[in-house]
mmCIF file of all heavy atoms, coordinates in Angstrom:
data_MODEL
# 
_entry.id   MODEL 
# 
loop_
_atom_site.group_PDB 
_atom_site.id 
_atom_site.type_symbol 
_atom_site.label_atom_id 
_atom_site.label_alt_id 
_atom_site.label_comp_id 
_atom_site.label_asym_id 
_atom_site.label_entity_id 
_atom_site.label_seq_id 
_atom_site.pdbx_PDB_ins_code 
_atom_site.Cartn_x 
_atom_site.Cartn_y 
_atom_site.Cartn_z 
_atom_site.occupancy 
_atom_site.B_iso_or_equiv 
_atom_site.pdbx_formal_charge 
_atom_site.auth_seq_id 
_atom_site.auth_comp_id 
_atom_site.auth_asym_id 
_atom_site.auth_atom_id 
_atom_site.pdbx_PDB_model_num 
ATOM 1   N N   . GLY A 1 1  ? -1.083 -3.670  -10.380 1.00 0.00 ? 1  GLY A N   1 
ATOM 2   C CA  . GLY A 1 1  ? -2.273 -3.111  -9.859  1.00 0.00 ? 1  GLY A CA  1 
ATOM 3   C C   . GLY A 1 1  ? -2.081 -2.611  -8.444  1.00 0.00 ? 1  GLY A C   1 
ATOM 4   O O   . GLY A 1 1  ? -2.562 -1.521  -8.051  1.00 0.00 ? 1  GLY A O   1 
ATOM 5   N N   . ALA A 1 2  ? -1.441 -3.442  -7.651  1.00 0.00 ? 2  ALA A N   1 
ATOM 6   C CA  . ALA A 1 2  ? -1.234 -3.096  -6.248  1.00 0.00 ? 2  ALA A CA  1 
ATOM 7   C C   . ALA A 1 2  ? -0.398 -1.901  -6.179  1.00 0.00 ? 2  ALA A C   1 
ATOM 8   O O   . ALA A 1 2  ? -0.517 -0.983  -5.273  1.00 0.00 ? 2  ALA A O   1 
ATOM 9   C CB  . ALA A 1 2  ? -0.609 -4.252  -5.456  1.00 0.00 ? 2  ALA A CB  1 
ATOM 10  N N   . GLN A 1 3  ? 0.715  -1.736  -7.021  1.00 0.00 ? 3  GLN A N   1 
ATOM 11  C CA  . GLN A 1 3  ? 1.605  -0.684  -7.004  1.00 0.00 ? 3  GLN A CA  1 
ATOM 12  C C   . GLN A 1 3  ? 0.862  0.635   -7.329  1.00 0.00 ? 3  GLN A C   1 
ATOM 13  O O   . GLN A 1 3  ? 1.038  1.709   -6.746  1.00 0.00 ? 3  GLN A O   1 
ATOM 14  C CB  . GLN A 1 3  ? 2.665  -0.814  -7.985  1.00 0.00 ? 3  GLN A CB  1 
ATOM 15  C CG  . GLN A 1 3  ? 3.664  -1.923  -7.512  1.00 0.00 ? 3  GLN A CG  1 
ATOM 16  C CD  . GLN A 1 3  ? 4.533  -1.535  -6.337  1.00 0.00 ? 3  GLN A CD  1 
ATOM 17  O OE1 . GLN A 1 3  ? 4.125  -1.785  -5.185  1.00 0.00 ? 3  GLN A OE1 1 
ATOM 18  N NE2 . GLN A 1 3  ? 5.658  -0.909  -6.613  1.00 0.00 ? 3  GLN A NE2 1 
ATOM 19  N N   . ILE A 1 4  ? -0.046 0.518   -8.341  1.00 0.00 ? 4  ILE A N   1 
ATOM 20  C CA  . ILE A 1 4  ? -0.783 1.718   -8.801  1.00 0.00 ? 4  ILE A CA  1 
ATOM 21  C C   . ILE A 1 4  ? -1.704 2.126   -7.633  1.00 0.00 ? 4  ILE A C   1 
ATOM 22  O O   . ILE A 1 4  ? -1.819 3.362   -7.355  1.00 0.00 ? 4  ILE A O   1 
ATOM 23  C CB  . ILE A 1 4  ? -1.656 1.468   -10.116 1.00 0.00 ? 4  ILE A CB  1 
ATOM 24  C CG1 . ILE A 1 4  ? -0.640 1.387   -11.194 1.00 0.00 ? 4  ILE A CG1 1 
ATOM 25  C CG2 . ILE A 1 4  ? -2.655 2.533   -10.340 1.00 0.00 ? 4  ILE A CG2 1 
ATOM 26  C CD1 . ILE A 1 4  ? -1.211 0.797   -12.504 1.00 0.00 ? 4  ILE A CD1 1 
ATOM 27  N N   . GLY A 1 5  ? -2.417 1.156   -7.055  1.00 0.00 ? 5  GLY A N   1 
ATOM 28  C CA  . GLY A 1 5  ? -3.317 1.463   -5.931  1.00 0.00 ? 5  GLY A CA  1 
ATOM 29  C C   . GLY A 1 5  ? -2.570 2.138   -4.690  1.00 0.00 ? 5  GLY A C   1 
ATOM 30  O O   . GLY A 1 5  ? -3.062 3.111   -4.101  1.00 0.00 ? 5  GLY A O   1 
ATOM 31  N N   . ALA A 1 6  ? -1.326 1.595   -4.448  1.00 0.00 ? 6  ALA A N   1 
ATOM 32  C CA  . ALA A 1 6  ? -0.584 2.162   -3.326  1.00 0.00 ? 6  ALA A CA  1 
ATOM 33  C C   . ALA A 1 6  ? -0.096 3.603   -3.708  1.00 0.00 ? 6  ALA A C   1 
ATOM 34  O O   . ALA A 1 6  ? -0.115 4.499   -2.851  1.00 0.00 ? 6  ALA A O   1 
ATOM 35  C CB  . ALA A 1 6  ? 0.711  1.354   -3.159  1.00 0.00 ? 6  ALA A CB  1 
ATOM 36  N N   . GLY A 1 7  ? 0.195  3.838   -4.996  1.00 0.00 ? 7  GLY A N   1 
ATOM 37  C CA  . GLY A 1 7  ? 0.480  5.229   -5.410  1.00 0.00 ? 7  GLY A CA  1 
ATOM 38  C C   . GLY A 1 7  ? -0.630 6.190   -5.231  1.00 0.00 ? 7  GLY A C   1 
ATOM 39  O O   . GLY A 1 7  ? -0.402 7.297   -4.765  1.00 0.00 ? 7  GLY A O   1 
ATOM 40  N N   . VAL A 1 8  ? -1.837 5.769   -5.660  1.00 0.00 ? 8  VAL A N   1 
ATOM 41  C CA  . VAL A 1 8  ? -2.967 6.704   -5.460  1.00 0.00 ? 8  VAL A CA  1 
ATOM 42  C C   . VAL A 1 8  ? -3.206 6.887   -3.907  1.00 0.00 ? 8  VAL A C   1 
ATOM 43  O O   . VAL A 1 8  ? -3.462 7.993   -3.530  1.00 0.00 ? 8  VAL A O   1 
ATOM 44  C CB  . VAL A 1 8  ? -4.298 5.995   -6.067  1.00 0.00 ? 8  VAL A CB  1 
ATOM 45  C CG1 . VAL A 1 8  ? -5.431 6.782   -5.703  1.00 0.00 ? 8  VAL A CG1 1 
ATOM 46  C CG2 . VAL A 1 8  ? -4.147 6.007   -7.610  1.00 0.00 ? 8  VAL A CG2 1 
ATOM 47  N N   . LYS A 1 9  ? -3.086 5.820   -3.090  1.00 0.00 ? 9  LYS A N   1 
ATOM 48  C CA  . LYS A 1 9  ? -3.360 5.881   -1.797  1.00 0.00 ? 9  LYS A CA  1 
ATOM 49  C C   . LYS A 1 9  ? -2.348 6.913   -0.998  1.00 0.00 ? 9  LYS A C   1 
ATOM 50  O O   . LYS A 1 9  ? -2.716 7.600   -0.153  1.00 0.00 ? 9  LYS A O   1 
ATOM 51  C CB  . LYS A 1 9  ? -3.289 4.543   -1.037  1.00 0.00 ? 9  LYS A CB  1 
ATOM 52  C CG  . LYS A 1 9  ? -3.537 4.504   0.407   1.00 0.00 ? 9  LYS A CG  1 
ATOM 53  C CD  . LYS A 1 9  ? -5.058 4.771   0.719   1.00 0.00 ? 9  LYS A CD  1 
ATOM 54  C CE  . LYS A 1 9  ? -5.269 4.572   2.246   1.00 0.00 ? 9  LYS A CE  1 
ATOM 55  N NZ  . LYS A 1 9  ? -6.493 4.750   2.658   1.00 0.00 ? 9  LYS A NZ  1 
ATOM 56  N N   . SER A 1 10 ? -1.115 6.891   -1.582  1.00 0.00 ? 10 SER A N   1 
ATOM 57  C CA  . SER A 1 10 ? -0.073 7.694   -0.944  1.00 0.00 ? 10 SER A CA  1 
ATOM 58  C C   . SER A 1 10 ? -0.317 9.233   -1.240  1.00 0.00 ? 10 SER A C   1 
ATOM 59  O O   . SER A 1 10 ? 0.010  10.087  -0.469  1.00 0.00 ? 10 SER A O   1 
ATOM 60  C CB  . SER A 1 10 ? 1.292  7.369   -1.561  1.00 0.00 ? 10 SER A CB  1 
ATOM 61  O OG  . SER A 1 10 ? 1.397  7.681   -2.926  1.00 0.00 ? 10 SER A OG  1 
ATOM 62  N N   . ILE A 1 11 ? -1.236 9.459   -2.213  1.00 0.00 ? 11 ILE A N   1 
ATOM 63  C CA  . ILE A 1 11 ? -1.636 10.836  -2.501  1.00 0.00 ? 11 ILE A CA  1 
ATOM 64  C C   . ILE A 1 11 ? -2.481 11.450  -1.465  1.00 0.00 ? 11 ILE A C   1 
ATOM 65  O O   . ILE A 1 11 ? -2.324 12.502  -1.016  1.00 0.00 ? 11 ILE A O   1 
ATOM 66  C CB  . ILE A 1 11 ? -2.142 10.951  -3.972  1.00 0.00 ? 11 ILE A CB  1 
ATOM 67  C CG1 . ILE A 1 11 ? -1.077 10.821  -5.004  1.00 0.00 ? 11 ILE A CG1 1 
ATOM 68  C CG2 . ILE A 1 11 ? -2.733 12.410  -4.219  1.00 0.00 ? 11 ILE A CG2 1 
ATOM 69  C CD1 . ILE A 1 11 ? -1.624 10.613  -6.351  1.00 0.00 ? 11 ILE A CD1 1 
ATOM 70  N N   . VAL A 1 12 ? -3.420 10.545  -1.104  1.00 0.00 ? 12 VAL A N   1 
ATOM 71  C CA  . VAL A 1 12 ? -4.459 11.028  -0.167  1.00 0.00 ? 12 VAL A CA  1 
ATOM 72  C C   . VAL A 1 12 ? -4.086 10.666  1.344   1.00 0.00 ? 12 VAL A C   1 
ATOM 73  O O   . VAL A 1 12 ? -4.666 11.189  2.241   1.00 0.00 ? 12 VAL A O   1 
ATOM 74  C CB  . VAL A 1 12 ? -5.858 10.436  -0.455  1.00 0.00 ? 12 VAL A CB  1 
ATOM 75  C CG1 . VAL A 1 12 ? -6.352 10.826  -1.822  1.00 0.00 ? 12 VAL A CG1 1 
ATOM 76  C CG2 . VAL A 1 12 ? -5.802 8.859   -0.412  1.00 0.00 ? 12 VAL A CG2 1 
ATOM 77  N N   . GLY A 1 13 ? -3.083 9.845   1.532   1.00 0.00 ? 13 GLY A N   1 
ATOM 78  C CA  . GLY A 1 13 ? -2.608 9.501   2.841   1.00 0.00 ? 13 GLY A CA  1 
ATOM 79  C C   . GLY A 1 13 ? -3.280 8.277   3.433   1.00 0.00 ? 13 GLY A C   1 
ATOM 80  O O   . GLY A 1 13 ? -4.334 7.872   2.910   1.00 0.00 ? 13 GLY A O   1 
ATOM 81  N N   . GLY A 1 14 ? -2.798 7.910   4.537   1.00 0.00 ? 14 GLY A N   1 
ATOM 82  C CA  . GLY A 1 14 ? -3.303 6.687   5.188   1.00 0.00 ? 14 GLY A CA  1 
ATOM 83  C C   . GLY A 1 14 ? -2.444 5.428   5.040   1.00 0.00 ? 14 GLY A C   1 
ATOM 84  O O   . GLY A 1 14 ? -1.436 5.389   4.379   1.00 0.00 ? 14 GLY A O   1 
ATOM 85  N N   . GLU A 1 15 ? -2.707 4.409   5.784   1.00 0.00 ? 15 GLU A N   1 
ATOM 86  C CA  . GLU A 1 15 ? -1.979 3.161   5.786   1.00 0.00 ? 15 GLU A CA  1 
ATOM 87  C C   . GLU A 1 15 ? -2.162 2.397   4.429   1.00 0.00 ? 15 GLU A C   1 
ATOM 88  O O   . GLU A 1 15 ? -3.231 2.334   3.903   1.00 0.00 ? 15 GLU A O   1 
ATOM 89  C CB  . GLU A 1 15 ? -2.437 2.210   6.895   1.00 0.00 ? 15 GLU A CB  1 
ATOM 90  C CG  . GLU A 1 15 ? -1.626 0.920   6.941   1.00 0.00 ? 15 GLU A CG  1 
ATOM 91  C CD  . GLU A 1 15 ? -2.094 0.007   8.025   1.00 0.00 ? 15 GLU A CD  1 
ATOM 92  O OE1 . GLU A 1 15 ? -3.126 0.288   8.614   1.00 0.00 ? 15 GLU A OE1 1 
ATOM 93  O OE2 . GLU A 1 15 ? -1.409 -0.990  8.191   1.00 0.00 ? 15 GLU A OE2 1 
ATOM 94  N N   . LEU A 1 16 ? -1.047 2.026   3.908   1.00 0.00 ? 16 LEU A N   1 
ATOM 95  C CA  . LEU A 1 16 ? -1.109 1.108   2.735   1.00 0.00 ? 16 LEU A CA  1 
ATOM 96  C C   . LEU A 1 16 ? -1.193 -0.432  3.209   1.00 0.00 ? 16 LEU A C   1 
ATOM 97  O O   . LEU A 1 16 ? -0.147 -1.105  3.330   1.00 0.00 ? 16 LEU A O   1 
ATOM 98  C CB  . LEU A 1 16 ? 0.167  1.321   1.883   1.00 0.00 ? 16 LEU A CB  1 
ATOM 99  C CG  . LEU A 1 16 ? 0.456  2.710   1.530   1.00 0.00 ? 16 LEU A CG  1 
ATOM 100 C CD1 . LEU A 1 16 ? 1.741  2.919   0.822   1.00 0.00 ? 16 LEU A CD1 1 
ATOM 101 C CD2 . LEU A 1 16 ? -0.730 3.283   0.596   1.00 0.00 ? 16 LEU A CD2 1 
ATOM 102 N N   . ARG A 1 17 ? -2.413 -0.784  3.459   1.00 0.00 ? 17 ARG A N   1 
ATOM 103 C CA  . ARG A 1 17 ? -2.553 -2.097  4.117   1.00 0.00 ? 17 ARG A CA  1 
ATOM 104 C C   . ARG A 1 17 ? -2.003 -3.234  3.344   1.00 0.00 ? 17 ARG A C   1 
ATOM 105 O O   . ARG A 1 17 ? -1.468 -4.225  3.888   1.00 0.00 ? 17 ARG A O   1 
ATOM 106 C CB  . ARG A 1 17 ? -4.047 -2.351  4.417   1.00 0.00 ? 17 ARG A CB  1 
ATOM 107 C CG  . ARG A 1 17 ? -4.572 -1.365  5.447   1.00 0.00 ? 17 ARG A CG  1 
ATOM 108 C CD  . ARG A 1 17 ? -5.978 -1.662  5.846   1.00 0.00 ? 17 ARG A CD  1 
ATOM 109 N NE  . ARG A 1 17 ? -6.363 -0.650  6.857   1.00 0.00 ? 17 ARG A NE  1 
ATOM 110 C CZ  . ARG A 1 17 ? -7.479 -0.589  7.443   1.00 0.00 ? 17 ARG A CZ  1 
ATOM 111 N NH1 . ARG A 1 17 ? -8.428 -1.503  7.140   1.00 0.00 ? 17 ARG A NH1 1 
ATOM 112 N NH2 . ARG A 1 17 ? -7.816 0.395   8.265   1.00 0.00 ? 17 ARG A NH2 1 
ATOM 113 N N   . GLY A 1 18 ? -2.120 -3.247  2.012   1.00 0.00 ? 18 GLY A N   1 
ATOM 114 C CA  . GLY A 1 18 ? -1.540 -4.334  1.185   1.00 0.00 ? 18 GLY A CA  1 
ATOM 115 C C   . GLY A 1 18 ? -0.042 -4.309  1.341   1.00 0.00 ? 18 GLY A C   1 
ATOM 116 O O   . GLY A 1 18 ? 0.533  -5.434  1.481   1.00 0.00 ? 18 GLY A O   1 
ATOM 117 N N   . MET A 1 19 ? 0.624  -3.195  1.431   1.00 0.00 ? 19 MET A N   1 
ATOM 118 C CA  . MET A 1 19 ? 2.022  -3.137  1.532   1.00 0.00 ? 19 MET A CA  1 
ATOM 119 C C   . MET A 1 19 ? 2.414  -3.660  2.965   1.00 0.00 ? 19 MET A C   1 
ATOM 120 O O   . MET A 1 19 ? 3.416  -4.289  3.135   1.00 0.00 ? 19 MET A O   1 
ATOM 121 C CB  . MET A 1 19 ? 2.565  -1.752  1.310   1.00 0.00 ? 19 MET A CB  1 
ATOM 122 C CG  . MET A 1 19 ? 2.316  -1.259  -0.157  1.00 0.00 ? 19 MET A CG  1 
ATOM 123 S SD  . MET A 1 19 ? 3.175  -2.281  -1.271  1.00 0.00 ? 19 MET A SD  1 
ATOM 124 C CE  . MET A 1 19 ? 4.577  -1.214  -1.621  1.00 0.00 ? 19 MET A CE  1 
ATOM 125 N N   . THR A 1 20 ? 1.637  -3.180  4.009   1.00 0.00 ? 20 THR A N   1 
ATOM 126 C CA  . THR A 1 20 ? 1.863  -3.586  5.303   1.00 0.00 ? 20 THR A CA  1 
ATOM 127 C C   . THR A 1 20 ? 1.849  -5.185  5.490   1.00 0.00 ? 20 THR A C   1 
ATOM 128 O O   . THR A 1 20 ? 2.686  -5.845  6.029   1.00 0.00 ? 20 THR A O   1 
ATOM 129 C CB  . THR A 1 20 ? 0.868  -2.975  6.318   1.00 0.00 ? 20 THR A CB  1 
ATOM 130 O OG1 . THR A 1 20 ? 1.026  -1.588  6.316   1.00 0.00 ? 20 THR A OG1 1 
ATOM 131 C CG2 . THR A 1 20 ? 1.087  -3.479  7.775   1.00 0.00 ? 20 THR A CG2 1 
ATOM 132 N N   . LYS A 1 21 ? 0.679  -5.670  4.899   1.00 0.00 ? 21 LYS A N   1 
ATOM 133 C CA  . LYS A 1 21 ? 0.622  -7.164  4.902   1.00 0.00 ? 21 LYS A CA  1 
ATOM 134 C C   . LYS A 1 21 ? 1.810  -7.800  4.168   1.00 0.00 ? 21 LYS A C   1 
ATOM 135 O O   . LYS A 1 21 ? 2.325  -8.885  4.677   1.00 0.00 ? 21 LYS A O   1 
ATOM 136 C CB  . LYS A 1 21 ? -0.684 -7.596  4.185   1.00 0.00 ? 21 LYS A CB  1 
ATOM 137 C CG  . LYS A 1 21 ? -0.979 -8.998  4.248   1.00 0.00 ? 21 LYS A CG  1 
ATOM 138 C CD  . LYS A 1 21 ? -2.375 -9.354  3.585   1.00 0.00 ? 21 LYS A CD  1 
ATOM 139 C CE  . LYS A 1 21 ? -2.612 -10.788 3.538   1.00 0.00 ? 21 LYS A CE  1 
ATOM 140 N NZ  . LYS A 1 21 ? -3.907 -11.120 2.911   1.00 0.00 ? 21 LYS A NZ  1 
ATOM 141 N N   . MET A 1 22 ? 2.198  -7.305  3.011   1.00 0.00 ? 22 MET A N   1 
ATOM 142 C CA  . MET A 1 22 ? 3.331  -7.943  2.255   1.00 0.00 ? 22 MET A CA  1 
ATOM 143 C C   . MET A 1 22 ? 4.609  -7.848  3.144   1.00 0.00 ? 22 MET A C   1 
ATOM 144 O O   . MET A 1 22 ? 5.352  -8.760  3.226   1.00 0.00 ? 22 MET A O   1 
ATOM 145 C CB  . MET A 1 22 ? 3.451  -7.173  0.960   1.00 0.00 ? 22 MET A CB  1 
ATOM 146 C CG  . MET A 1 22 ? 4.691  -7.673  0.128   1.00 0.00 ? 22 MET A CG  1 
ATOM 147 S SD  . MET A 1 22 ? 5.131  -6.810  -1.317  1.00 0.00 ? 22 MET A SD  1 
ATOM 148 C CE  . MET A 1 22 ? 6.013  -5.411  -0.566  1.00 0.00 ? 22 MET A CE  1 
ATOM 149 N N   . LEU A 1 23 ? 4.870  -6.789  3.725   1.00 0.00 ? 23 LEU A N   1 
ATOM 150 C CA  . LEU A 1 23 ? 6.077  -6.604  4.517   1.00 0.00 ? 23 LEU A CA  1 
ATOM 151 C C   . LEU A 1 23 ? 6.002  -7.520  5.747   1.00 0.00 ? 23 LEU A C   1 
ATOM 152 O O   . LEU A 1 23 ? 7.038  -8.108  6.168   1.00 0.00 ? 23 LEU A O   1 
ATOM 153 C CB  . LEU A 1 23 ? 6.325  -5.195  5.038   1.00 0.00 ? 23 LEU A CB  1 
ATOM 154 C CG  . LEU A 1 23 ? 6.731  -4.268  3.779   1.00 0.00 ? 23 LEU A CG  1 
ATOM 155 C CD1 . LEU A 1 23 ? 6.815  -2.850  4.286   1.00 0.00 ? 23 LEU A CD1 1 
ATOM 156 C CD2 . LEU A 1 23 ? 8.139  -4.678  3.320   1.00 0.00 ? 23 LEU A CD2 1 
ATOM 157 N N   . ALA A 1 24 ? 4.933  -7.710  6.442   1.00 0.00 ? 24 ALA A N   1 
ATOM 158 C CA  . ALA A 1 24 ? 4.783  -8.603  7.533   1.00 0.00 ? 24 ALA A CA  1 
ATOM 159 C C   . ALA A 1 24 ? 5.007  -10.031 7.116   1.00 0.00 ? 24 ALA A C   1 
ATOM 160 O O   . ALA A 1 24 ? 5.754  -10.818 7.827   1.00 0.00 ? 24 ALA A O   1 
ATOM 161 C CB  . ALA A 1 24 ? 3.417  -8.384  8.221   1.00 0.00 ? 24 ALA A CB  1 
ATOM 162 N N   . GLN A 1 25 ? 4.522  -10.412 5.965   1.00 0.00 ? 25 GLN A N   1 
ATOM 163 C CA  . GLN A 1 25 ? 4.766  -11.802 5.418   1.00 0.00 ? 25 GLN A CA  1 
ATOM 164 C C   . GLN A 1 25 ? 6.190  -11.894 5.131   1.00 0.00 ? 25 GLN A C   1 
ATOM 165 O O   . GLN A 1 25 ? 6.849  -12.973 5.245   1.00 0.00 ? 25 GLN A O   1 
ATOM 166 C CB  . GLN A 1 25 ? 3.854  -12.076 4.199   1.00 0.00 ? 25 GLN A CB  1 
ATOM 167 C CG  . GLN A 1 25 ? 2.426  -12.152 4.534   1.00 0.00 ? 25 GLN A CG  1 
ATOM 168 C CD  . GLN A 1 25 ? 1.535  -12.172 3.208   1.00 0.00 ? 25 GLN A CD  1 
ATOM 169 O OE1 . GLN A 1 25 ? 1.924  -11.746 2.131   1.00 0.00 ? 25 GLN A OE1 1 
ATOM 170 N NE2 . GLN A 1 25 ? 0.354  -12.675 3.402   1.00 0.00 ? 25 GLN A NE2 1 
ATOM 171 N N   . SER A 1 26 ? 6.799  -10.950 4.499   1.00 0.00 ? 26 SER A N   1 
ATOM 172 C CA  . SER A 1 26 ? 8.229  -11.012 4.137   1.00 0.00 ? 26 SER A CA  1 
ATOM 173 C C   . SER A 1 26 ? 9.118  -11.162 5.418   1.00 0.00 ? 26 SER A C   1 
ATOM 174 O O   . SER A 1 26 ? 10.092 -11.981 5.391   1.00 0.00 ? 26 SER A O   1 
ATOM 175 C CB  . SER A 1 26 ? 8.651  -9.709  3.322   1.00 0.00 ? 26 SER A CB  1 
ATOM 176 O OG  . SER A 1 26 ? 7.939  -9.657  2.165   1.00 0.00 ? 26 SER A OG  1 
# 
C-alpha cells in the first residue's frame, strides 16, 4: 500500500514523507 501511494505521489511531485521517515529510521 505504501509503495502504491509513493508511486502515485511521484507522478504529481512532492516529498514522499513515508519514504523519508523509513530512510531516517533505517
